[in-house]
Amino acid sequence: MAKKLDNPFSLKFVLPEQRELYLQIKEDEKLVSKSMIEQDELESFHYTIRD
């Protein structure tokens, strides 16, 4: 039963809106969050690039 819950396409009736939302959620899971760089690290990168 858990396999059916993990994959909603195994169910007989899936609305197009549900499928679209499911695919969007899966795409969002692939994204990597952007890390925040501190000001001193940023200045260090600029210094390294200039040299």
N, C-alpha and C. Protein backbone atom coordinates (compact mmCIF):
# COMPACT_ATOMS: atom_id res chain seq x y z
N MET A 1 0.82 -1.19 0.00
CA MET A 1 0.00 0.00 0.00
C MET A 1 0.86 1.26 0.00
N ALA A 2 2.00 1.22 0.66
CA ALA A 2 2.87 2.39 0.72
C ALA A 2 3.38 2.75 -0.67
N LYS A 3 3.58 1.76 -1.52
CA LYS A 3 4.06 2.04 -2.87
C LYS A 3 3.07 2.89 -3.65
N LYS A 4 1.79 2.64 -3.47
CA LYS A 4 0.77 3.43 -4.17
C LYS A 4 0.77 4.87 -3.69
N LEU A 5 1.03 5.09 -2.41
CA LEU A 5 1.04 6.44 -1.88
C LEU A 5 2.26 7.22 -2.35
N ASP A 6 3.38 6.53 -2.56
CA ASP A 6 4.59 7.19 -3.03
C ASP A 6 4.47 7.61 -4.49
N ASN A 7 3.74 6.87 -5.27
CA ASN A 7 3.57 7.16 -6.68
C ASN A 7 2.09 7.32 -6.98
N PRO A 8 1.58 8.55 -7.04
CA PRO A 8 0.15 8.73 -7.27
C PRO A 8 -0.29 8.31 -8.67
N PHE A 9 0.64 8.12 -9.60
CA PHE A 9 0.27 7.70 -10.95
C PHE A 9 -0.13 6.23 -11.01
N SER A 10 0.10 5.50 -9.94
CA SER A 10 -0.33 4.11 -9.91
C SER A 10 -1.83 4.00 -9.65
N LEU A 11 -2.43 5.08 -9.18
CA LEU A 11 -3.88 5.10 -8.98
C LEU A 11 -4.57 5.17 -10.33
N LYS A 12 -5.81 4.74 -10.39
CA LYS A 12 -6.51 4.73 -11.66
C LYS A 12 -6.90 6.12 -12.14
N PHE A 13 -7.34 6.98 -11.22
CA PHE A 13 -7.84 8.30 -11.61
C PHE A 13 -6.97 9.39 -11.01
N VAL A 14 -6.30 10.12 -11.88
CA VAL A 14 -5.48 11.26 -11.44
C VAL A 14 -5.89 12.44 -12.30
N LEU A 15 -6.32 13.50 -11.65
CA LEU A 15 -6.71 14.71 -12.39
C LEU A 15 -5.47 15.38 -12.97
N PRO A 16 -5.61 16.05 -14.09
CA PRO A 16 -4.46 16.74 -14.68
C PRO A 16 -3.85 17.77 -13.72
N GLU A 17 -4.68 18.43 -12.92
CA GLU A 17 -4.16 19.41 -11.96
C GLU A 17 -3.31 18.72 -10.89
N GLN A 18 -3.74 17.54 -10.48
CA GLN A 18 -2.98 16.79 -9.47
C GLN A 18 -1.65 16.34 -10.05
N ARG A 19 -1.67 15.89 -11.28
CA ARG A 19 -0.43 15.44 -11.94
C ARG A 19 0.54 16.61 -12.09
N GLU A 20 0.03 17.76 -12.52
CA GLU A 20 0.87 18.94 -12.69
C GLU A 20 1.48 19.38 -11.36
N LEU A 21 0.69 19.39 -10.32
CA LEU A 21 1.19 19.77 -9.00
C LEU A 21 2.25 18.78 -8.51
N TYR A 22 2.00 17.50 -8.71
CA TYR A 22 2.96 16.47 -8.30
C TYR A 22 4.29 16.64 -9.03
N LEU A 23 4.23 16.88 -10.33
CA LEU A 23 5.46 17.07 -11.11
C LEU A 23 6.20 18.34 -10.70
N GLN A 24 5.45 19.40 -10.37
CA GLN A 24 6.07 20.63 -9.92
C GLN A 24 6.78 20.42 -8.58
N ILE A 25 6.16 19.68 -7.69
CA ILE A 25 6.78 19.39 -6.39
C ILE A 25 8.06 18.60 -6.58
N LYS A 26 8.05 17.63 -7.46
CA LYS A 26 9.25 16.84 -7.72
C LYS A 26 10.36 17.70 -8.31
N GLU A 27 10.02 18.64 -9.20
CA GLU A 27 11.02 19.55 -9.75
C GLU A 27 11.60 20.44 -8.66
N ASP A 28 10.74 20.93 -7.78
CA ASP A 28 11.19 21.80 -6.68
C ASP A 28 12.12 21.06 -5.73
N GLU A 29 11.91 19.77 -5.56
CA GLU A 29 12.78 18.98 -4.67
C GLU A 29 14.19 18.87 -5.23
N LYS A 30 14.33 18.98 -6.55
CA LYS A 30 15.64 18.88 -7.19
C LYS A 30 16.48 20.14 -6.99
N LEU A 31 15.83 21.27 -6.74
CA LEU A 31 16.54 22.53 -6.61
C LEU A 31 17.40 22.55 -5.34
N VAL A 32 18.51 23.21 -5.44
CA VAL A 32 19.41 23.37 -4.31
C VAL A 32 19.27 24.80 -3.80
N SER A 33 19.12 24.93 -2.51
CA SER A 33 18.96 26.27 -1.96
C SER A 33 20.28 27.04 -2.06
N LYS A 34 20.16 28.33 -2.30
CA LYS A 34 21.34 29.17 -2.44
C LYS A 34 21.85 29.53 -1.06
N SER A 35 23.13 29.29 -0.84
CA SER A 35 23.71 29.57 0.47
C SER A 35 24.01 31.07 0.58
N MET A 36 23.95 31.57 1.80
CA MET A 36 24.24 32.97 2.05
C MET A 36 25.74 33.12 2.32
N ILE A 37 26.36 34.08 1.63
CA ILE A 37 27.79 34.33 1.79
C ILE A 37 27.95 35.57 2.65
N GLU A 38 28.78 35.46 3.65
CA GLU A 38 29.05 36.59 4.53
C GLU A 38 29.86 37.64 3.77
N GLN A 39 29.79 38.87 4.23
CA GLN A 39 30.46 39.98 3.56
C GLN A 39 31.97 39.78 3.48
N ASP A 40 32.59 39.28 4.56
CA ASP A 40 34.05 39.08 4.52
C ASP A 40 34.44 37.98 3.54
N GLU A 41 33.61 36.94 3.41
CA GLU A 41 33.89 35.90 2.42
C GLU A 41 33.78 36.46 1.01
N LEU A 42 32.78 37.29 0.80
CA LEU A 42 32.58 37.90 -0.50
C LEU A 42 33.76 38.79 -0.88
N GLU A 43 34.24 39.57 0.07
CA GLU A 43 35.40 40.41 -0.19
C GLU A 43 36.64 39.58 -0.48
N SER A 44 36.76 38.46 0.21
CA SER A 44 37.88 37.57 -0.04
C SER A 44 37.83 37.01 -1.46
N PHE A 45 36.64 36.65 -1.93
CA PHE A 45 36.49 36.15 -3.30
C PHE A 45 36.86 37.23 -4.31
N HIS A 46 36.41 38.46 -4.06
CA HIS A 46 36.73 39.57 -4.96
C HIS A 46 38.24 39.80 -5.00
N TYR A 47 38.86 39.73 -3.86
CA TYR A 47 40.32 39.93 -3.78
C TYR A 47 41.03 38.84 -4.60
N THR A 48 40.59 37.60 -4.42
CA THR A 48 41.21 36.47 -5.14
C THR A 48 41.01 36.61 -6.65
N ILE A 49 39.84 37.04 -7.06
CA ILE A 49 39.56 37.18 -8.49
C ILE A 49 40.40 38.29 -9.10
N ARG A 50 40.54 39.40 -8.38
CA ARG A 50 41.33 40.53 -8.89
C ARG A 50 42.79 40.18 -9.05
N ASP A 51 43.32 39.33 -8.18
CA ASP A 51 44.74 38.96 -8.26
C ASP A 51 44.96 37.92 -9.31
